Protein backbone atom coordinates (compact mmCIF):
# COMPACT_ATOMS: atom_id res chain seq x y z
CA UNK A 1 59.72 73.99 60.67
CA UNK A 2 60.15 77.77 60.58
CA UNK A 3 57.65 80.15 62.17
CA UNK A 4 56.69 81.56 58.75
CA UNK A 5 56.00 78.04 57.43
CA UNK A 6 53.78 77.29 60.44
CA UNK A 7 51.87 80.51 59.84
CA UNK A 8 51.47 79.72 56.15
CA UNK A 9 50.13 76.23 56.90
CA UNK A 10 47.72 77.56 59.52
CA UNK A 11 46.32 80.06 57.07
CA UNK A 12 46.22 78.17 53.79
CA UNK A 13 45.02 74.81 55.06
CA UNK A 14 41.64 76.13 56.21
CA UNK A 15 41.56 79.75 55.10
CA UNK A 16 40.13 80.83 58.44
CA UNK A 17 42.72 80.18 61.20
CA UNK A 18 45.20 82.83 62.25
CA UNK A 19 48.15 82.08 64.53
CA UNK A 20 47.88 83.40 68.09
CA UNK A 21 47.83 87.19 68.07
CA UNK A 22 47.07 89.83 70.67
CA UNK A 23 43.37 90.66 70.75
CA UNK A 24 42.21 93.96 69.31
CA UNK A 25 41.36 95.09 72.83
CA UNK A 26 44.91 94.21 73.98
CA UNK A 27 46.45 96.11 71.06
CA UNK A 28 44.34 99.18 71.80
CA UNK A 29 45.67 99.10 75.37
CA UNK A 30 49.24 98.24 74.36
CA UNK A 31 49.56 101.13 71.90
CA UNK A 32 47.24 103.41 73.91
CA UNK A 33 45.03 103.82 70.86
CA UNK A 34 42.30 106.14 72.00
CA UNK A 35 39.67 107.01 69.40
CA UNK A 36 39.91 110.55 68.08
CA UNK A 37 36.52 112.25 67.97
CA UNK A 38 37.54 114.61 65.14
CA UNK A 39 38.22 111.57 62.92
CA UNK A 40 34.86 109.94 63.82
CA UNK A 41 36.69 106.85 65.07
CA UNK A 42 34.76 103.97 66.64
CA UNK A 43 36.50 100.63 67.08
CA UNK A 44 34.67 97.34 66.54
CA UNK A 45 36.09 94.76 68.95
CA UNK A 46 33.77 91.77 68.50
CA UNK A 47 35.37 89.25 66.14
CA UNK A 48 31.99 87.64 65.40
CA UNK A 49 30.72 90.96 64.06
CA UNK A 50 33.81 91.69 61.97
CA UNK A 51 33.52 88.19 60.48
CA UNK A 52 29.84 88.87 59.73
CA UNK A 53 30.69 92.12 57.92
CA UNK A 54 33.25 90.35 55.72
CA UNK A 55 30.85 87.47 55.00
CA UNK A 56 28.33 90.07 53.78
CA UNK A 57 30.81 90.92 51.01
CA UNK A 58 30.44 87.40 49.62
CA UNK A 59 33.30 85.24 48.43
CA UNK A 60 36.59 87.17 48.58
CA UNK A 61 38.96 84.20 48.43
CA UNK A 62 41.67 84.87 45.84
CA UNK A 63 40.04 88.28 45.14
CA UNK A 64 41.23 91.87 45.54
CA UNK A 65 40.12 93.82 48.61
CA UNK A 66 40.52 97.46 49.59
CA UNK A 67 39.78 98.15 53.25
CA UNK A 68 38.97 101.72 54.23
CA UNK A 69 40.00 102.92 57.69
CA UNK A 70 41.13 99.62 59.25
CA UNK A 71 41.98 101.24 62.59
CA UNK A 72 43.35 98.61 65.02
CA UNK A 73 42.62 95.84 62.50
CA UNK A 74 39.47 93.99 63.57
CA UNK A 75 37.93 93.78 60.11
CA UNK A 76 41.41 93.36 58.62
CA UNK A 77 41.87 90.08 60.49
CA UNK A 78 38.50 88.85 59.28
CA UNK A 79 39.47 89.73 55.69
CA UNK A 80 42.83 87.94 55.98
CA UNK A 81 41.10 84.81 57.27
CA UNK A 82 39.19 84.65 53.98
CA UNK A 83 42.43 84.47 51.93
CA UNK A 84 42.13 87.27 49.38
CA UNK A 85 44.84 87.44 46.74
CA UNK A 86 45.72 91.08 47.47
CA UNK A 87 44.62 93.30 50.35
CA UNK A 88 45.22 97.05 50.43
CA UNK A 89 44.44 98.95 53.64
CA UNK A 90 44.17 102.74 53.60
CA UNK A 91 44.50 104.36 57.02
CA UNK A 92 44.90 108.07 57.72
CA UNK A 93 45.94 107.73 61.38
CA UNK A 94 49.63 106.83 61.67
CA UNK A 95 49.08 105.45 65.20
CA UNK A 96 47.65 102.26 63.64
CA UNK A 97 50.69 101.54 61.47
CA UNK A 98 52.34 99.12 63.98
CA UNK A 99 49.22 96.95 64.16
CA UNK A 100 48.89 96.97 60.37
CA UNK A 101 52.56 96.05 59.97
CA UNK A 102 52.10 93.13 62.38
CA UNK A 103 49.17 91.81 60.33
CA UNK A 104 51.07 92.31 57.06
CA UNK A 105 53.93 90.22 58.46
CA UNK A 106 51.52 87.45 59.42
CA UNK A 107 49.87 87.55 55.98
CA UNK A 108 53.11 87.83 53.97
CA UNK A 109 53.76 84.08 53.45
CA UNK A 110 50.54 83.51 51.53
CA UNK A 111 49.08 86.80 50.25
CA UNK A 112 50.03 90.33 49.35
CA UNK A 113 49.07 93.05 51.81
CA UNK A 114 49.89 96.71 51.16
CA UNK A 115 49.57 99.43 53.78
CA UNK A 116 48.79 102.97 52.63
CA UNK A 117 49.10 105.69 55.23
CA UNK A 118 46.91 108.44 53.82
CA UNK A 119 43.44 109.85 53.25
CA UNK A 120 41.01 107.64 51.33
CA UNK A 121 39.57 110.79 49.75
CA UNK A 122 42.90 111.30 48.00
CA UNK A 123 43.76 107.68 47.25
CA UNK A 124 43.77 106.53 43.60
CA UNK A 125 41.93 103.20 43.80
CA UNK A 126 42.50 102.54 40.09
CA UNK A 127 46.19 101.98 40.92
CA UNK A 128 45.60 99.66 43.90
CA UNK A 129 45.62 96.32 42.09
CA UNK A 130 48.06 96.32 39.14
CA UNK A 131 47.71 92.55 38.71
CA UNK A 132 43.90 92.61 38.47
CA UNK A 133 42.66 92.06 34.92
CA UNK A 134 39.69 94.34 34.09
CA UNK A 135 36.40 92.48 33.67
CA UNK A 136 33.72 93.26 31.10
CA UNK A 137 31.04 95.36 32.76
CA UNK A 138 28.24 93.31 31.23
CA UNK A 139 29.56 89.94 32.43
CA UNK A 140 27.18 88.25 34.86
CA UNK A 141 30.23 87.42 36.95
CA UNK A 142 31.31 90.63 38.69
CA UNK A 143 34.87 91.87 38.96
CA UNK A 144 36.75 90.20 41.88
CA UNK A 145 37.22 93.57 43.60
CA UNK A 146 35.66 94.54 46.92
CA UNK A 147 35.71 97.74 48.96
CA UNK A 148 35.07 97.01 52.64
CA UNK A 149 35.17 99.37 55.58
CA UNK A 150 33.89 100.66 58.88
CA UNK A 151 33.59 104.21 57.55
CA UNK A 152 34.21 107.32 59.64
CA UNK A 153 30.75 108.87 60.04
CA UNK A 154 32.02 112.36 59.19
CA UNK A 155 32.97 111.46 55.62
CA UNK A 156 30.72 108.48 54.84
CA UNK A 157 28.17 110.35 52.68
CA UNK A 158 30.85 112.30 50.83
CA UNK A 159 32.79 109.10 50.14
CA UNK A 160 29.71 107.30 48.91
CA UNK A 161 28.78 110.08 46.48
CA UNK A 162 32.37 110.13 45.19
CA UNK A 163 32.27 106.36 44.66
CA UNK A 164 28.89 106.49 42.94
CA UNK A 165 30.38 109.04 40.54
CA UNK A 166 33.31 106.71 39.84
CA UNK A 167 30.84 103.86 39.39
CA UNK A 168 28.85 105.86 36.84
CA UNK A 169 32.02 106.77 34.92
CA UNK A 170 33.57 103.31 35.39
CA UNK A 171 36.70 104.85 36.87
CA UNK A 172 38.54 104.27 40.16
CA UNK A 173 37.60 100.90 41.65
CA UNK A 174 35.15 100.44 38.78
CA UNK A 175 37.85 100.55 36.14
CA UNK A 176 38.26 96.85 37.03
CA UNK A 177 34.57 96.14 36.36
CA UNK A 178 31.55 95.90 38.66
CA UNK A 179 33.33 96.09 42.02
CA UNK A 180 31.15 95.77 45.14
CA UNK A 181 30.95 97.82 48.33
CA UNK A 182 30.37 96.51 51.87
CA UNK A 183 30.30 99.45 54.25
CA UNK A 184 29.08 100.63 57.64
CA UNK A 185 26.98 103.77 58.06
CA UNK A 186 25.04 105.42 60.84
CA UNK A 187 21.66 103.72 61.11
CA UNK A 188 19.74 106.63 59.57
CA UNK A 189 22.16 106.97 56.65
CA UNK A 190 21.99 103.23 55.98
CA UNK A 191 18.19 103.41 55.96
CA UNK A 192 18.27 106.40 53.59
CA UNK A 193 20.47 104.58 51.09
CA UNK A 194 17.91 101.79 50.64
CA UNK A 195 14.72 103.81 51.28
CA UNK A 196 11.89 103.09 48.81
CA UNK A 197 9.36 105.59 47.47
CA UNK A 198 7.07 107.08 50.18
CA UNK A 199 9.51 106.15 52.95
CA UNK A 200 10.18 108.74 55.66
CA UNK A 201 13.89 108.24 54.92
CA UNK A 202 13.58 108.76 51.14
CA UNK A 203 16.16 111.35 50.03
CA UNK A 204 18.88 112.21 47.54
CA UNK A 205 21.06 109.29 48.67
CA UNK A 206 18.21 106.83 48.05
CA UNK A 207 17.68 107.90 44.46
CA UNK A 208 21.36 108.33 43.58
CA UNK A 209 22.22 104.84 44.83
CA UNK A 210 19.26 103.19 43.16
CA UNK A 211 20.05 104.72 39.75
CA UNK A 212 23.46 103.03 39.51
CA UNK A 213 23.33 100.12 41.94
CA UNK A 214 21.38 97.64 44.01
CA UNK A 215 21.88 98.64 47.65
CA UNK A 216 20.89 96.26 50.43
CA UNK A 217 20.79 96.84 54.18
CA UNK A 218 22.21 93.54 55.45
CA UNK A 219 22.02 93.95 59.23
CA UNK A 220 22.27 96.38 62.12
CA UNK A 221 24.97 96.52 64.78
CA UNK A 222 24.20 97.97 68.19
CA UNK A 223 26.24 101.02 69.08
CA UNK A 224 27.22 99.13 72.26
CA UNK A 225 29.51 96.93 70.14
CA UNK A 226 31.81 99.88 69.37
CA UNK A 227 34.46 101.62 71.48
CA UNK A 228 33.75 104.39 72.18
CA UNK A 229 30.00 103.79 71.90
CA UNK A 230 28.48 106.08 69.23
CA UNK A 231 25.15 107.76 69.91
CA UNK A 232 23.48 105.72 67.15
CA UNK A 233 23.37 102.13 65.92
CA UNK A 234 25.22 101.17 62.75
CA UNK A 235 23.94 99.57 59.54
CA UNK A 236 25.96 97.35 57.21
CA UNK A 237 25.09 98.01 53.57
CA UNK A 238 26.19 96.18 50.42
CA UNK A 239 26.12 98.06 47.11
CA UNK A 240 26.43 96.18 43.81
CA UNK A 241 26.58 98.13 40.51
CA UNK A 242 23.81 97.53 37.99
CA UNK A 243 24.89 96.04 34.67
CA UNK A 244 22.77 98.69 32.96
CA UNK A 245 22.31 101.97 34.88
CA UNK A 246 18.91 103.60 34.76
CA UNK A 247 20.16 106.69 32.93
CA UNK A 248 22.87 107.74 30.50
CA UNK A 249 22.82 111.39 31.65
CA UNK A 250 26.15 112.47 33.17
CA UNK A 251 26.44 111.89 36.92
CA UNK A 252 27.09 115.56 37.71
CA UNK A 253 23.84 116.64 36.03
CA UNK A 254 21.86 113.88 37.75
CA UNK A 255 23.32 114.77 41.15
CA UNK A 256 22.58 118.46 40.66
CA UNK A 257 18.95 117.93 39.70
CA UNK A 258 18.23 115.26 42.36
CA UNK A 259 19.81 117.51 44.99
CA UNK A 260 17.44 120.30 43.98
CA UNK A 261 14.43 117.95 43.94
CA UNK A 262 15.09 117.00 47.57
CA UNK A 263 16.25 120.43 48.76
CA UNK A 264 12.76 121.22 50.09
CA UNK A 265 11.56 117.78 51.03
CA UNK A 266 8.25 118.73 52.67
CA UNK A 267 7.26 121.23 49.98
CA UNK A 268 6.08 120.70 46.42
CA UNK A 269 8.93 119.32 44.32
CA UNK A 270 8.52 122.19 41.85
CA UNK A 271 9.92 124.54 44.50
CA UNK A 272 13.30 122.83 44.50
CA UNK A 273 13.37 122.26 40.75
CA UNK A 274 12.53 125.93 40.11
CA UNK A 275 15.84 126.92 41.70
CA UNK A 276 17.69 125.27 38.84
CA UNK A 277 16.77 128.26 36.70
CA UNK A 278 17.58 132.00 36.80
CA UNK A 279 14.72 134.18 38.13
CA UNK A 280 14.05 135.83 34.76
CA UNK A 281 13.05 132.52 33.15
CA UNK A 282 12.22 130.46 36.23
CA UNK A 283 8.46 130.14 35.82
CA UNK A 284 8.63 129.35 32.11
CA UNK A 285 11.37 126.72 32.36
CA UNK A 286 9.97 125.10 35.50
CA UNK A 287 6.64 124.63 33.75
CA UNK A 288 8.39 123.21 30.71
CA UNK A 289 10.42 120.83 32.86
CA UNK A 290 7.39 119.22 34.48
CA UNK A 291 5.45 119.14 31.23
CA UNK A 292 8.28 117.36 29.40
CA UNK A 293 8.85 115.01 32.36
CA UNK A 294 5.14 114.25 32.77
CA UNK A 295 5.51 114.56 36.56
CA UNK A 296 3.07 116.19 38.98
CA UNK A 297 4.73 119.46 40.11
CA UNK A 298 2.68 119.39 43.32
CA UNK A 299 4.09 116.05 44.47
CA UNK A 300 6.53 115.98 47.40
CA UNK A 301 10.00 114.73 46.56
CA UNK A 302 9.69 111.55 48.65
CA UNK A 303 6.59 110.66 46.62
CA UNK A 304 8.59 110.50 43.39
CA UNK A 305 9.85 107.22 41.95
CA UNK A 306 13.37 106.89 40.59
CA UNK A 307 11.89 106.92 37.08
CA UNK A 308 10.04 110.20 37.76
CA UNK A 309 13.18 111.80 39.17
CA UNK A 310 15.07 110.73 36.06
CA UNK A 311 12.42 112.17 33.76
CA UNK A 312 12.92 115.51 35.51
CA UNK A 313 16.69 115.09 35.09
CA UNK A 314 16.28 114.35 31.38
CA UNK A 315 13.94 117.31 30.89
CA UNK A 316 16.47 119.63 32.54
CA UNK A 317 19.31 118.11 30.51
CA UNK A 318 17.33 118.74 27.32
CA UNK A 319 16.66 122.37 28.28
CA UNK A 320 20.37 122.89 29.01
CA UNK A 321 21.23 121.62 25.54
CA UNK A 322 18.77 124.14 24.07
CA UNK A 323 19.87 126.99 26.37
CA UNK A 324 23.48 126.32 27.47
CA UNK A 325 23.61 129.53 29.49
CA UNK A 326 21.41 128.05 32.25
CA UNK A 327 23.88 125.24 33.03
CA UNK A 328 26.14 127.45 35.13
CA UNK A 329 23.32 129.04 37.15
CA UNK A 330 23.59 128.51 40.93
CA UNK A 331 20.83 130.04 43.02
CA UNK A 332 23.04 129.89 46.14
CA UNK A 333 25.77 131.98 44.54
CA UNK A 334 26.10 135.64 45.61
CA UNK A 335 23.40 137.64 43.85
CA UNK A 336 24.19 140.52 41.54
CA UNK A 337 23.01 143.75 43.11
CA UNK A 338 19.53 144.63 41.93
CA UNK A 339 18.74 141.14 40.65
CA UNK A 340 15.41 139.56 41.49
CA UNK A 341 15.66 137.04 44.31
CA UNK A 342 13.08 134.69 45.79
CA UNK A 343 12.80 135.49 49.46
CA UNK A 344 12.17 131.92 50.48
CA UNK A 345 14.58 130.32 48.02
CA UNK A 346 16.74 128.62 50.63
CA UNK A 347 14.09 126.31 52.01
CA UNK A 348 14.79 123.16 53.98
CA UNK A 349 18.17 121.86 52.89
CA UNK A 350 18.95 118.17 52.67
CA UNK A 351 22.09 118.41 50.62
CA UNK A 352 24.03 116.61 53.36
CA UNK A 353 21.86 113.52 52.96
């Protein structure tokens, strides 16, 4: 019996057993794979934890999986053990290519595994799975597509906002249907994503996620489990798109307004919303916004429900349709000399949340 046949039997008979391979720790030593701080790299060595992350994604057998930032391949092994139909790994750091190629060789007899050496921010997910038939968005059964990853902390929020935009437009991974996300974030970011109204962690990320999806904080991982150890613990979050999003307003408008609502978190929400409008008409349009939205302008942003935030969004969207010239206004843009400026307009920024 050939080696490839033995490997195939070991993998397909149970779906969980890999042939003997060097441990992740051994590979890190063998290839001298030191984490690069600038890339926010932290390696997860514990196989029980990588298995737990993949289990959080639900059934992936015979499904399509995109792994973001596989690094030395800990989560990759756990994914392979679950027998997906097609696995695509996107890794920016070329140092991990030998370990990925080794795993692709092991997986080759029974599944397709593609290795993409590049930046996930540039990768066109809509082209990842040419054999995947798009699923109707309204089907109770979600599309068999999963994005899984131990995300680099430095780009995790930016990635998530990009993916939420794709989700809202049903492009990228969501051109296949309601694809799910299973991702790691810094503890505080994970808590923000799922934060309910009145929570200390309530922010832009909370509202944006809850408009288009059902996010769930599945479990925490101690920072001690990673090499090198990060300064914070890590949360594993699953994000499943809603069949019917809570608004039909374009994502870019929603993001702009919600960002302004939370730009001065500890002040009255009207302060942030007011900065949506040019100084000459600021008072008038701010008053109209809250009147149309039927929202208390003296509430703090974290006291607002998703529905209240969306009523503010819809009021702004309506005013833009009536006065298109206000759409391009940006209070952070360089001011024209002599124009009226609010001295305290900058406030407490949370746009990175």
